[in-house]
Amino acid sequence: MRARLREVFDRVDSNKNGSVNIAEFRAAMDTLGTHLDGRMVAEICQALDVRDGLTFDQFCDIVDTEEVRWVCIGSKVCAVHALT
């Protein structure tokens, strides 16, 4: 899975600076089959205190679909850990 995330991350990192901005993050999520609307992306970035873009490791932490599901509950975005 991490190799697939690296491939997607590198593809959307348009300026090849090693981080993705909010628009690039949203495009990456779309590529991975998870559509996030603008409000949800903003909530995720605010919750994680993302200002200058996401590093690859931060990106992996967010999209690790085996461990975390991002859901909207009312106007809040919450991380819901999958039960194992």
N, C-alpha and C. Protein backbone atom coordinates (compact mmCIF):
# COMPACT_ATOMS: atom_id res chain seq x y z
N MET A 1 0.82 -1.20 0.00
CA MET A 1 0.00 0.00 0.00
C MET A 1 0.86 1.26 0.00
N ARG A 2 1.95 1.25 0.77
CA ARG A 2 2.79 2.44 0.85
C ARG A 2 3.41 2.79 -0.51
N ALA A 3 3.74 1.78 -1.30
CA ALA A 3 4.28 2.04 -2.64
C ALA A 3 3.24 2.74 -3.52
N ARG A 4 1.99 2.31 -3.40
CA ARG A 4 0.91 2.95 -4.17
C ARG A 4 0.72 4.40 -3.70
N LEU A 5 0.79 4.62 -2.39
CA LEU A 5 0.67 5.99 -1.87
C LEU A 5 1.81 6.86 -2.37
N ARG A 6 3.02 6.32 -2.42
CA ARG A 6 4.18 7.08 -2.93
C ARG A 6 3.96 7.46 -4.38
N GLU A 7 3.45 6.52 -5.16
CA GLU A 7 3.19 6.78 -6.58
C GLU A 7 2.18 7.92 -6.75
N VAL A 8 1.09 7.86 -6.00
CA VAL A 8 0.06 8.90 -6.08
C VAL A 8 0.60 10.23 -5.58
N PHE A 9 1.30 10.21 -4.45
CA PHE A 9 1.87 11.43 -3.87
C PHE A 9 2.80 12.11 -4.88
N ASP A 10 3.71 11.34 -5.47
CA ASP A 10 4.65 11.91 -6.43
C ASP A 10 3.95 12.46 -7.66
N ARG A 11 2.87 11.80 -8.08
CA ARG A 11 2.14 12.25 -9.25
C ARG A 11 1.46 13.60 -9.00
N VAL A 12 0.89 13.80 -7.81
CA VAL A 12 0.16 15.05 -7.55
C VAL A 12 1.05 16.17 -7.03
N ASP A 13 2.26 15.86 -6.59
CA ASP A 13 3.21 16.88 -6.11
C ASP A 13 3.75 17.63 -7.33
N SER A 14 2.97 18.59 -7.81
CA SER A 14 3.24 19.22 -9.10
C SER A 14 4.57 19.97 -9.17
N ASN A 15 5.02 20.56 -8.08
CA ASN A 15 6.29 21.29 -8.12
C ASN A 15 7.45 20.46 -7.58
N LYS A 16 7.17 19.21 -7.24
CA LYS A 16 8.20 18.24 -6.80
C LYS A 16 9.02 18.76 -5.61
N ASN A 17 8.33 19.43 -4.67
CA ASN A 17 9.02 19.96 -3.50
C ASN A 17 8.95 19.03 -2.28
N GLY A 18 8.33 17.86 -2.45
CA GLY A 18 8.27 16.90 -1.36
C GLY A 18 7.09 17.08 -0.42
N SER A 19 6.18 17.99 -0.77
CA SER A 19 4.96 18.15 0.01
C SER A 19 3.82 18.45 -0.95
N VAL A 20 2.60 18.16 -0.49
CA VAL A 20 1.44 18.45 -1.32
C VAL A 20 0.58 19.49 -0.62
N ASN A 21 0.07 20.42 -1.41
CA ASN A 21 -0.82 21.44 -0.86
C ASN A 21 -2.24 20.86 -0.77
N ILE A 22 -3.17 21.67 -0.33
CA ILE A 22 -4.52 21.19 -0.12
C ILE A 22 -5.16 20.69 -1.41
N ALA A 23 -5.00 21.44 -2.50
CA ALA A 23 -5.57 21.02 -3.78
C ALA A 23 -4.95 19.70 -4.25
N GLU A 24 -3.64 19.57 -4.08
CA GLU A 24 -2.96 18.34 -4.47
C GLU A 24 -3.41 17.16 -3.60
N PHE A 25 -3.59 17.41 -2.30
CA PHE A 25 -4.08 16.38 -1.40
C PHE A 25 -5.45 15.90 -1.83
N ARG A 26 -6.31 16.83 -2.15
CA ARG A 26 -7.67 16.48 -2.59
C ARG A 26 -7.62 15.66 -3.88
N ALA A 27 -6.74 16.05 -4.81
CA ALA A 27 -6.59 15.29 -6.06
C ALA A 27 -6.07 13.87 -5.78
N ALA A 28 -5.15 13.76 -4.83
CA ALA A 28 -4.61 12.45 -4.46
C ALA A 28 -5.70 11.57 -3.89
N MET A 29 -6.53 12.14 -3.03
CA MET A 29 -7.62 11.36 -2.45
C MET A 29 -8.59 10.91 -3.52
N ASP A 30 -8.89 11.78 -4.48
CA ASP A 30 -9.76 11.39 -5.60
C ASP A 30 -9.14 10.23 -6.37
N THR A 31 -7.84 10.31 -6.61
CA THR A 31 -7.14 9.24 -7.31
C THR A 31 -7.25 7.92 -6.56
N LEU A 32 -7.24 8.00 -5.24
CA LEU A 32 -7.34 6.80 -4.41
C LEU A 32 -8.78 6.33 -4.23
N GLY A 33 -9.73 7.07 -4.83
CA GLY A 33 -11.12 6.65 -4.78
C GLY A 33 -11.90 7.19 -3.60
N THR A 34 -11.36 8.18 -2.91
CA THR A 34 -12.04 8.80 -1.77
C THR A 34 -12.27 10.26 -2.09
N HIS A 35 -13.52 10.61 -2.39
CA HIS A 35 -13.83 12.01 -2.68
C HIS A 35 -14.06 12.76 -1.38
N LEU A 36 -13.31 13.82 -1.18
CA LEU A 36 -13.49 14.70 -0.03
C LEU A 36 -13.88 16.07 -0.54
N ASP A 37 -14.97 16.61 -0.02
CA ASP A 37 -15.34 17.96 -0.46
C ASP A 37 -14.41 18.97 0.21
N GLY A 38 -14.47 20.20 -0.26
CA GLY A 38 -13.57 21.24 0.23
C GLY A 38 -13.66 21.45 1.73
N ARG A 39 -14.87 21.38 2.26
CA ARG A 39 -15.06 21.57 3.70
C ARG A 39 -14.37 20.45 4.48
N MET A 40 -14.51 19.24 4.01
CA MET A 40 -13.91 18.11 4.72
C MET A 40 -12.37 18.20 4.69
N VAL A 41 -11.81 18.57 3.55
CA VAL A 41 -10.36 18.73 3.44
C VAL A 41 -9.89 19.82 4.39
N ALA A 42 -10.61 20.93 4.41
CA ALA A 42 -10.24 22.04 5.30
C ALA A 42 -10.29 21.60 6.76
N GLU A 43 -11.31 20.84 7.13
CA GLU A 43 -11.43 20.34 8.50
C GLU A 43 -10.28 19.41 8.87
N ILE A 44 -9.93 18.51 7.95
CA ILE A 44 -8.81 17.58 8.20
C ILE A 44 -7.53 18.37 8.40
N CYS A 45 -7.27 19.32 7.50
CA CYS A 45 -6.04 20.11 7.59
C CYS A 45 -6.02 20.96 8.85
N GLN A 46 -7.16 21.49 9.24
CA GLN A 46 -7.22 22.28 10.48
C GLN A 46 -6.99 21.38 11.69
N ALA A 47 -7.60 20.21 11.69
CA ALA A 47 -7.45 19.28 12.82
C ALA A 47 -6.00 18.85 12.98
N LEU A 48 -5.28 18.75 11.87
CA LEU A 48 -3.88 18.31 11.91
C LEU A 48 -2.91 19.47 11.88
N ASP A 49 -3.43 20.71 11.92
CA ASP A 49 -2.61 21.91 11.92
C ASP A 49 -1.68 21.97 10.70
N VAL A 50 -2.25 21.66 9.54
CA VAL A 50 -1.49 21.69 8.29
C VAL A 50 -1.58 23.09 7.70
N ARG A 51 -0.43 23.71 7.50
CA ARG A 51 -0.40 25.06 6.92
C ARG A 51 0.37 25.12 5.61
N ASP A 52 1.51 24.48 5.58
CA ASP A 52 2.39 24.61 4.41
C ASP A 52 2.42 23.38 3.53
N GLY A 53 1.49 22.48 3.70
CA GLY A 53 1.44 21.28 2.89
C GLY A 53 1.75 20.04 3.71
N LEU A 54 1.46 18.91 3.13
CA LEU A 54 1.66 17.63 3.79
C LEU A 54 2.91 16.94 3.27
N THR A 55 3.71 16.43 4.17
CA THR A 55 4.84 15.60 3.76
C THR A 55 4.29 14.23 3.38
N PHE A 56 5.13 13.40 2.80
CA PHE A 56 4.69 12.06 2.44
C PHE A 56 4.24 11.27 3.66
N ASP A 57 4.98 11.37 4.75
CA ASP A 57 4.60 10.63 5.96
C ASP A 57 3.26 11.10 6.51
N GLN A 58 3.01 12.41 6.52
CA GLN A 58 1.72 12.93 6.97
C GLN A 58 0.60 12.44 6.06
N PHE A 59 0.87 12.48 4.77
CA PHE A 59 -0.09 11.99 3.77
C PHE A 59 -0.45 10.54 4.06
N CYS A 60 0.56 9.71 4.29
CA CYS A 60 0.31 8.29 4.59
C CYS A 60 -0.51 8.12 5.86
N ASP A 61 -0.20 8.92 6.87
CA ASP A 61 -0.95 8.84 8.13
C ASP A 61 -2.43 9.13 7.90
N ILE A 62 -2.72 10.08 7.04
CA ILE A 62 -4.10 10.47 6.79
C ILE A 62 -4.84 9.43 5.97
N VAL A 63 -4.20 8.91 4.94
CA VAL A 63 -4.91 8.04 4.00
C VAL A 63 -4.73 6.55 4.28
N ASP A 64 -4.14 6.21 5.38
CA ASP A 64 -3.97 4.80 5.71
C ASP A 64 -5.35 4.19 5.96
N THR A 65 -5.97 3.74 4.91
CA THR A 65 -7.36 3.30 4.98
C THR A 65 -7.55 2.01 5.75
N GLU A 66 -6.48 1.32 6.09
CA GLU A 66 -6.62 0.12 6.90
C GLU A 66 -6.81 0.48 8.37
N GLU A 67 -6.39 1.67 8.76
CA GLU A 67 -6.41 2.05 10.17
C GLU A 67 -7.44 3.12 10.50
N VAL A 68 -7.64 4.07 9.60
CA VAL A 68 -8.46 5.24 9.94
C VAL A 68 -9.46 5.51 8.83
N ARG A 69 -10.64 5.86 9.21
CA ARG A 69 -11.66 6.33 8.27
C ARG A 69 -12.02 7.77 8.68
N TRP A 70 -12.05 8.66 7.72
CA TRP A 70 -12.44 10.04 8.00
C TRP A 70 -13.93 10.15 7.68
N VAL A 71 -14.68 10.65 8.62
CA VAL A 71 -16.11 10.79 8.42
C VAL A 71 -16.56 12.16 8.90
N CYS A 72 -17.66 12.62 8.33
CA CYS A 72 -18.28 13.85 8.78
C CYS A 72 -19.40 13.51 9.74
N ILE A 73 -19.37 14.13 10.89
CA ILE A 73 -20.46 14.02 11.85
C ILE A 73 -20.93 15.44 12.10
N GLY A 74 -22.08 15.76 11.53
CA GLY A 74 -22.54 17.14 11.59
C GLY A 74 -21.56 18.02 10.85
N SER A 75 -21.03 19.01 11.51
CA SER A 75 -20.06 19.90 10.88
C SER A 75 -18.64 19.58 11.28
N LYS A 76 -18.42 18.45 11.93
CA LYS A 76 -17.08 18.06 12.39
C LYS A 76 -16.56 16.89 11.60
N VAL A 77 -15.26 16.89 11.36
CA VAL A 77 -14.60 15.74 10.75
C VAL A 77 -13.92 14.97 11.86
N CYS A 78 -14.14 13.67 11.88
CA CYS A 78 -13.60 12.84 12.94
C CYS A 78 -12.83 11.68 12.33
N ALA A 79 -11.78 11.27 12.99
CA ALA A 79 -11.06 10.06 12.61
C ALA A 79 -11.69 8.91 13.37
N VAL A 80 -12.15 7.92 12.64
CA VAL A 80 -12.75 6.76 13.26
C VAL A 80 -11.85 5.58 12.99
N HIS A 81 -11.25 5.04 14.03
CA HIS A 81 -10.31 3.93 13.87
C HIS A 81 -11.08 2.65 13.62
N ALA A 82 -10.64 1.91 12.62
CA ALA A 82 -11.27 0.63 12.30
C ALA A 82 -11.02 -0.37 13.43
N LEU A 83 -12.01 -1.15 13.70
CA LEU A 83 -11.86 -2.18 14.72
C LEU A 83 -11.11 -3.36 14.12
N THR A 84 -10.15 -3.89 14.87
CA THR A 84 -9.39 -5.03 14.38
C THR A 84 -9.60 -6.22 15.28
